[in-house]
Amino acid sequence: TGCVGCPLAQEDSALDTVLLNASWTYLAPMKGIKVLWRELREPQHRLRKSGIERLKDGSIGKNPQRMGPLTLEARLMGLERLLAIQAEVNTSAALLRRPLVDIINAEEEARIRELISLNTWPDRWDGSEPLATTIMDVVYQNGAVQPRLFSETD
């Protein structure tokens, strides 16, 4: 999506400026992209390493309990919401005879769905890792472990 919906920017000033022009107000649903990207950064949509995994050289990585990739469910949800935004914009664009947007084309959508169906994960992830919302003992870079003081049921 380029700069549109960038979760790093506080405001989407480029899109806001475009939307001030009446000819381009049909693009307003694209404001939902930033909301989606920010939501997908939340722990309930991502996996987390437990911190006990070792690198090939036997060491523990720099951030042993980092949040990692999106769950397959979150990937599908994100895809569906992005396609819904695209469809909403393009429905209005067609009625108004304005330019369509192509956020994700049919080939890209097919590939994303294929990768989800194949259970594809980035290197050193296999999908068996816990959700990032899972409460775990703290593992430090030097390998020391600080046990939890309370269990999830306390």
C-alpha atoms as a PDB file:
ATOM      1  CA  THR A   1       0.000   0.000   0.000  1.00  0.00           C
ATOM      2  CA  GLY A   2       3.024   2.268  -0.032  1.00  0.00           C
ATOM      3  CA  CYS A   3       2.633   5.335   2.142  1.00  0.00           C
ATOM      4  CA  VAL A   4      -1.148   4.918   2.374  1.00  0.00           C
ATOM      5  CA  GLY A   5      -1.949   3.519   5.775  1.00  0.00           C
ATOM      6  CA  CYS A   6       1.661   3.429   6.966  1.00  0.00           C
ATOM      7  CA  PRO A   7       1.506   2.365  10.629  1.00  0.00           C
ATOM      8  CA  LEU A   8       4.729   4.253  11.357  1.00  0.00           C
ATOM      9  CA  ALA A   9       3.279   7.660  10.510  1.00  0.00           C
ATOM     10  CA  GLN A  10       1.173   9.366  13.136  1.00  0.00           C
ATOM     11  CA  GLU A  11      -1.178  10.812  10.513  1.00  0.00           C
ATOM     12  CA  ASP A  12      -1.966   9.757   6.971  1.00  0.00           C
ATOM     13  CA  SER A  13      -1.570  13.318   5.722  1.00  0.00           C
ATOM     14  CA  ALA A  14      -1.105  12.410   2.042  1.00  0.00           C
ATOM     15  CA  LEU A  15      -4.421  10.528   1.932  1.00  0.00           C
ATOM     16  CA  ASP A  16      -6.099  13.173   4.092  1.00  0.00           C
ATOM     17  CA  THR A  17      -5.027  15.864   1.623  1.00  0.00           C
ATOM     18  CA  VAL A  18      -6.304  13.868  -1.350  1.00  0.00           C
ATOM     19  CA  LEU A  19      -9.647  13.305   0.395  1.00  0.00           C
ATOM     20  CA  LEU A  20     -10.156  17.075   0.679  1.00  0.00           C
ATOM     21  CA  ASN A  21     -10.754  17.094  -3.077  1.00  0.00           C
ATOM     22  CA  ALA A  22     -14.383  16.071  -3.766  1.00  0.00           C
ATOM     23  CA  SER A  23     -13.294  14.056  -6.823  1.00  0.00           C
ATOM     24  CA  TRP A  24     -11.279  11.711  -4.642  1.00  0.00           C
ATOM     25  CA  THR A  25     -13.503  11.218  -1.586  1.00  0.00           C
ATOM     26  CA  TYR A  26     -14.407   7.750  -2.801  1.00  0.00           C
ATOM     27  CA  LEU A  27     -10.934   6.725  -1.559  1.00  0.00           C
ATOM     28  CA  ALA A  28     -12.004   7.312   2.078  1.00  0.00           C
ATOM     29  CA  PRO A  29     -12.285   3.564   2.883  1.00  0.00           C
ATOM     30  CA  MET A  30      -8.501   3.405   2.455  1.00  0.00           C
ATOM     31  CA  LYS A  31      -8.253   5.112   5.859  1.00  0.00           C
ATOM     32  CA  GLY A  32      -9.007   1.628   7.221  1.00  0.00           C
ATOM     33  CA  ILE A  33      -5.637   0.317   6.011  1.00  0.00           C
ATOM     34  CA  LYS A  34      -3.715   2.016   8.834  1.00  0.00           C
ATOM     35  CA  VAL A  35      -6.192   0.595  11.348  1.00  0.00           C
ATOM     36  CA  LEU A  36      -5.680  -2.885   9.898  1.00  0.00           C
ATOM     37  CA  TRP A  37      -1.862  -2.675   9.933  1.00  0.00           C
ATOM     38  CA  ARG A  38      -1.879  -1.483  13.544  1.00  0.00           C
ATOM     39  CA  GLU A  39      -4.271  -4.255  14.557  1.00  0.00           C
ATOM     40  CA  LEU A  40      -2.088  -6.889  12.914  1.00  0.00           C
ATOM     41  CA  ARG A  41       0.875  -5.744  15.025  1.00  0.00           C
ATOM     42  CA  GLU A  42      -0.986  -6.786  18.201  1.00  0.00           C
ATOM     43  CA  PRO A  43       0.171  -9.918  20.077  1.00  0.00           C
ATOM     44  CA  GLN A  44      -3.093 -11.838  19.609  1.00  0.00           C
ATOM     45  CA  HIS A  45      -2.345 -12.028  15.868  1.00  0.00           C
ATOM     46  CA  ARG A  46       1.294 -13.081  16.118  1.00  0.00           C
ATOM     47  CA  LEU A  47       3.471 -15.919  17.304  1.00  0.00           C
ATOM     48  CA  ARG A  48       6.310 -15.596  19.810  1.00  0.00           C
ATOM     49  CA  LYS A  49       9.456 -17.589  20.356  1.00  0.00           C
ATOM     50  CA  SER A  50       9.645 -19.237  23.765  1.00  0.00           C
ATOM     51  CA  GLY A  51      13.220 -18.029  24.173  1.00  0.00           C
ATOM     52  CA  ILE A  52      14.771 -21.428  24.743  1.00  0.00           C
ATOM     53  CA  GLU A  53      15.622 -22.072  21.084  1.00  0.00           C
ATOM     54  CA  ARG A  54      19.310 -22.062  20.238  1.00  0.00           C
ATOM     55  CA  LEU A  55      20.937 -20.779  17.069  1.00  0.00           C
ATOM     56  CA  LYS A  56      23.153 -23.081  14.989  1.00  0.00           C
ATOM     57  CA  ASP A  57      26.219 -21.928  16.943  1.00  0.00           C
ATOM     58  CA  GLY A  58      24.506 -22.843  20.238  1.00  0.00           C
ATOM     59  CA  SER A  59      23.890 -19.265  21.318  1.00  0.00           C
ATOM     60  CA  ILE A  60      20.600 -17.577  22.088  1.00  0.00           C
ATOM     61  CA  GLY A  61      19.579 -14.781  19.722  1.00  0.00           C
ATOM     62  CA  LYS A  62      19.547 -11.069  20.550  1.00  0.00           C
ATOM     63  CA  ASN A  63      15.815 -11.022  21.275  1.00  0.00           C
ATOM     64  CA  PRO A  64      14.944 -14.552  22.395  1.00  0.00           C
ATOM     65  CA  GLN A  65      11.242 -13.922  23.004  1.00  0.00           C
ATOM     66  CA  ARG A  66      10.543 -11.649  20.064  1.00  0.00           C
ATOM     67  CA  MET A  67       7.165 -11.511  18.431  1.00  0.00           C
ATOM     68  CA  GLY A  68       7.246 -13.097  15.058  1.00  0.00           C
ATOM     69  CA  PRO A  69       5.038 -13.722  12.071  1.00  0.00           C
ATOM     70  CA  LEU A  70       1.310 -13.372  11.800  1.00  0.00           C
ATOM     71  CA  THR A  71      -0.757 -16.458  12.470  1.00  0.00           C
ATOM     72  CA  LEU A  72      -2.345 -18.035   9.415  1.00  0.00           C
ATOM     73  CA  GLU A  73      -5.739 -16.874  10.678  1.00  0.00           C
ATOM     74  CA  ALA A  74      -4.498 -13.286  10.993  1.00  0.00           C
ATOM     75  CA  ARG A  75      -3.012 -13.408   7.500  1.00  0.00           C
ATOM     76  CA  LEU A  76      -6.343 -14.520   6.085  1.00  0.00           C
ATOM     77  CA  MET A  77      -8.247 -11.911   8.097  1.00  0.00           C
ATOM     78  CA  GLY A  78      -5.878  -9.180   6.914  1.00  0.00           C
ATOM     79  CA  LEU A  79      -6.210 -10.294   3.311  1.00  0.00           C
ATOM     80  CA  GLU A  80     -10.009 -10.352   3.508  1.00  0.00           C
ATOM     81  CA  ARG A  81     -10.173  -6.907   5.085  1.00  0.00           C
ATOM     82  CA  LEU A  82      -7.765  -5.413   2.577  1.00  0.00           C
ATOM     83  CA  LEU A  83      -9.760  -6.926  -0.292  1.00  0.00           C
ATOM     84  CA  ALA A  84     -12.964  -5.540   1.242  1.00  0.00           C
ATOM     85  CA  ILE A  85     -11.434  -2.048   1.350  1.00  0.00           C
ATOM     86  CA  GLN A  86     -10.326  -2.424  -2.253  1.00  0.00           C
ATOM     87  CA  ALA A  87     -13.792  -3.636  -3.316  1.00  0.00           C
ATOM     88  CA  GLU A  88     -15.541  -0.789  -1.508  1.00  0.00           C
ATOM     89  CA  VAL A  89     -13.310   1.809  -3.155  1.00  0.00           C
ATOM     90  CA  ASN A  90     -13.652   0.219  -6.585  1.00  0.00           C
ATOM     91  CA  THR A  91     -17.435  -0.081  -6.359  1.00  0.00           C
ATOM     92  CA  SER A  92     -17.647   3.654  -5.721  1.00  0.00           C
ATOM     93  CA  ALA A  93     -15.011   4.346  -8.374  1.00  0.00           C
ATOM     94  CA  ALA A  94     -17.006   2.460 -11.003  1.00  0.00           C
ATOM     95  CA  LEU A  95     -20.207   4.344 -10.138  1.00  0.00           C
ATOM     96  CA  LEU A  96     -18.378   7.676 -10.267  1.00  0.00           C
ATOM     97  CA  ARG A  97     -16.271   6.745 -13.303  1.00  0.00           C
ATOM     98  CA  ARG A  98     -13.095   7.386 -11.336  1.00  0.00           C
ATOM     99  CA  PRO A  99      -9.804   5.414 -11.372  1.00  0.00           C
ATOM    100  CA  LEU A 100      -9.838   2.033  -9.674  1.00  0.00           C
ATOM    101  CA  VAL A 101      -7.270   1.018  -7.047  1.00  0.00           C
ATOM    102  CA  ASP A 102      -5.229  -2.162  -7.274  1.00  0.00           C
ATOM    103  CA  ILE A 103      -3.983  -2.951  -3.787  1.00  0.00           C
ATOM    104  CA  ILE A 104      -3.857  -6.706  -4.323  1.00  0.00           C
ATOM    105  CA  ASN A 105      -4.470  -8.140  -7.779  1.00  0.00           C
ATOM    106  CA  ALA A 106      -5.903 -11.594  -8.513  1.00  0.00           C
ATOM    107  CA  GLU A 107      -2.475 -13.186  -9.014  1.00  0.00           C
ATOM    108  CA  GLU A 108      -1.166 -11.822  -5.716  1.00  0.00           C
ATOM    109  CA  GLU A 109      -4.325 -12.891  -3.883  1.00  0.00           C
ATOM    110  CA  ALA A 110      -4.029 -16.422  -5.299  1.00  0.00           C
ATOM    111  CA  ARG A 111      -0.392 -16.636  -4.196  1.00  0.00           C
ATOM    112  CA  ILE A 112      -1.166 -15.389  -0.683  1.00  0.00           C
ATOM    113  CA  ARG A 113      -3.976 -17.918  -0.332  1.00  0.00           C
ATOM    114  CA  GLU A 114      -1.704 -20.664  -1.658  1.00  0.00           C
ATOM    115  CA  LEU A 115       1.019 -19.835   0.886  1.00  0.00           C
ATOM    116  CA  ILE A 116      -1.550 -19.850   3.699  1.00  0.00           C
ATOM    117  CA  SER A 117      -2.945 -23.212   2.546  1.00  0.00           C
ATOM    118  CA  LEU A 118       0.597 -24.634   2.382  1.00  0.00           C
ATOM    119  CA  ASN A 119       1.220 -23.561   5.994  1.00  0.00           C
ATOM    120  CA  THR A 120       4.224 -21.439   4.922  1.00  0.00           C
ATOM    121  CA  TRP A 121       6.351 -19.782   7.617  1.00  0.00           C
ATOM    122  CA  PRO A 122       9.478 -17.609   7.592  1.00  0.00           C
ATOM    123  CA  ASP A 123      12.866 -19.202   8.315  1.00  0.00           C
ATOM    124  CA  ARG A 124      13.191 -20.682  11.831  1.00  0.00           C
ATOM    125  CA  TRP A 125       9.410 -20.565  12.391  1.00  0.00           C
ATOM    126  CA  ASP A 126       7.078 -23.532  11.900  1.00  0.00           C
ATOM    127  CA  GLY A 127       3.748 -22.352  13.290  1.00  0.00           C
ATOM    128  CA  SER A 128       3.968 -24.440  16.451  1.00  0.00           C
ATOM    129  CA  GLU A 129       5.239 -21.474  18.476  1.00  0.00           C
ATOM    130  CA  PRO A 130       2.887 -20.030  21.112  1.00  0.00           C
ATOM    131  CA  LEU A 131       0.737 -16.992  20.495  1.00  0.00           C
ATOM    132  CA  ALA A 132       2.465 -13.788  21.527  1.00  0.00           C
ATOM    133  CA  THR A 133      -0.200 -13.333  24.214  1.00  0.00           C
ATOM    134  CA  THR A 134       1.042 -16.450  26.035  1.00  0.00           C
ATOM    135  CA  ILE A 135       2.564 -15.665  29.415  1.00  0.00           C
ATOM    136  CA  MET A 136       5.997 -17.295  29.707  1.00  0.00           C
ATOM    137  CA  ASP A 137       9.075 -17.316  31.876  1.00  0.00           C
ATOM    138  CA  VAL A 138      11.442 -14.522  30.824  1.00  0.00           C
ATOM    139  CA  VAL A 139      14.519 -15.741  28.942  1.00  0.00           C
ATOM    140  CA  TYR A 140      17.451 -13.348  28.702  1.00  0.00           C
ATOM    141  CA  GLN A 141      20.030 -13.198  25.925  1.00  0.00           C
ATOM    142  CA  ASN A 142      22.647 -14.824  28.175  1.00  0.00           C
ATOM    143  CA  GLY A 143      20.336 -17.835  28.637  1.00  0.00           C
ATOM    144  CA  ALA A 144      19.246 -17.004  32.186  1.00  0.00           C
ATOM    145  CA  VAL A 145      15.588 -17.705  32.891  1.00  0.00           C
ATOM    146  CA  GLN A 146      13.423 -15.717  35.275  1.00  0.00           C
ATOM    147  CA  PRO A 147      10.441 -17.881  36.207  1.00  0.00           C
ATOM    148  CA  ARG A 148       6.979 -16.357  36.387  1.00  0.00           C
ATOM    149  CA  LEU A 149       5.873 -15.350  39.833  1.00  0.00           C
ATOM    150  CA  PHE A 150       2.257 -16.262  39.143  1.00  0.00           C
ATOM    151  CA  SER A 151       0.604 -18.777  36.872  1.00  0.00           C
ATOM    152  CA  GLU A 152      -2.079 -17.808  34.367  1.00  0.00           C
ATOM    153  CA  THR A 153      -4.721 -19.126  36.773  1.00  0.00           C
ATOM    154  CA  ASP A 154      -3.528 -17.123  39.838  1.00  0.00           C
END
